[in-house]
C-alpha atoms as a PDB file:
ATOM      1  CA  MET A   1       0.021   0.005   0.005  1.00  0.00           C
ATOM      2  CA  LEU A   2       2.880   2.406   0.742  1.00  0.00           C
ATOM      3  CA  SER A   3       4.311   1.765  -2.761  1.00  0.00           C
ATOM      4  CA  ASN A   4       1.014   2.609  -4.448  1.00  0.00           C
ATOM      5  CA  PRO A   5      -1.025   4.941  -2.145  1.00  0.00           C
ATOM      6  CA  TRP A   6      -3.752   5.440  -4.764  1.00  0.00           C
ATOM      7  CA  SER A   7      -4.674   1.777  -4.511  1.00  0.00           C
ATOM      8  CA  GLY A   8      -4.852   2.036  -0.701  1.00  0.00           C
ATOM      9  CA  LEU A   9      -6.982   5.152  -0.832  1.00  0.00           C
ATOM     10  CA  LEU A  10      -9.385   3.527  -3.230  1.00  0.00           C
ATOM     11  CA  GLN A  11      -9.691   0.619  -0.780  1.00  0.00           C
ATOM     12  CA  GLY A  12     -10.473   2.955   2.135  1.00  0.00           C
ATOM     13  CA  ALA A  13      -7.081   3.072   3.818  1.00  0.00           C
ATOM     14  CA  GLY A  14      -6.899   6.860   4.085  1.00  0.00           C
ATOM     15  CA  GLU A  15      -6.728   6.912   7.831  1.00  0.00           C
ATOM     16  CA  TYR A  16      -3.906   4.370   7.899  1.00  0.00           C
ATOM     17  CA  LEU A  17      -1.936   6.335   5.322  1.00  0.00           C
ATOM     18  CA  ARG A  18      -2.513   9.611   7.259  1.00  0.00           C
ATOM     19  CA  TYR A  19      -1.323   7.915  10.413  1.00  0.00           C
ATOM     20  CA  THR A  20       1.711   6.488   8.600  1.00  0.00           C
ATOM     21  CA  ALA A  21       2.694   9.851   7.098  1.00  0.00           C
ATOM     22  CA  GLY A  22       2.890  11.306  10.532  1.00  0.00           C
ATOM     23  CA  ARG A  23       4.602   8.442  12.186  1.00  0.00           C
ATOM     24  CA  ARG A  24       8.022   8.899  13.727  1.00  0.00           C
ATOM     25  CA  GLY A  25      10.883   7.032  12.047  1.00  0.00           C
ATOM     26  CA  LEU A  26       9.343   7.117   8.563  1.00  0.00           C
ATOM     27  CA  ASP A  27      11.821   8.394   5.975  1.00  0.00           C
ATOM     28  CA  PRO A  28      11.055  12.146   5.624  1.00  0.00           C
ATOM     29  CA  ASP A  29      10.902  11.992   1.833  1.00  0.00           C
ATOM     30  CA  ARG A  30       8.470   9.075   1.997  1.00  0.00           C
ATOM     31  CA  ALA A  31       6.332  11.040   4.487  1.00  0.00           C
ATOM     32  CA  ARG A  32       6.271  14.016   2.227  1.00  0.00           C
ATOM     33  CA  GLU A  33       5.234  11.917  -0.685  1.00  0.00           C
ATOM     34  CA  LEU A  34       2.401  10.338   1.231  1.00  0.00           C
ATOM     35  CA  ARG A  35       1.188  13.796   2.408  1.00  0.00           C
ATOM     36  CA  GLU A  36       1.213  15.063  -1.197  1.00  0.00           C
ATOM     37  CA  PHE A  37      -0.810  12.021  -2.309  1.00  0.00           C
ATOM     38  CA  LEU A  38      -3.271  12.612   0.515  1.00  0.00           C
ATOM     39  CA  ASP A  39      -3.605  16.335  -0.364  1.00  0.00           C
ATOM     40  CA  ARG A  40      -4.289  15.454  -3.965  1.00  0.00           C
ATOM     41  CA  TRP A  41      -6.778  12.783  -2.922  1.00  0.00           C
ATOM     42  CA  ASP A  42      -8.568  15.205  -0.683  1.00  0.00           C
ATOM     43  CA  GLY A  43      -8.799  17.737  -3.437  1.00  0.00           C
ATOM     44  CA  ARG A  44     -10.023  15.046  -5.762  1.00  0.00           C
ATOM     45  CA  THR A  45     -12.694  13.700  -3.492  1.00  0.00           C
ATOM     46  CA  LEU A  46     -13.833  17.239  -2.501  1.00  0.00           C
ATOM     47  CA  THR A  47     -14.205  18.217  -6.143  1.00  0.00           C
ATOM     48  CA  SER A  48     -16.249  15.077  -6.965  1.00  0.00           C
ATOM     49  CA  SER A  49     -18.520  15.445  -3.988  1.00  0.00           C
ATOM     50  CA  ARG A  50     -19.476  18.918  -5.164  1.00  0.00           C
ATOM     51  CA  ARG A  51     -20.858  17.643  -8.496  1.00  0.00           C
END
């Protein structure tokens, strides 16, 4: 799931990915990537819910 966050998000693992992105010990670059994916996901789901 960490190698393909989109797949995890589609399967409902958003909370786990958010937790993981903020977890101590995670590589800072990997945490940044996860936060970017989550931000994009949030924007995507917000846009689609407005339709």
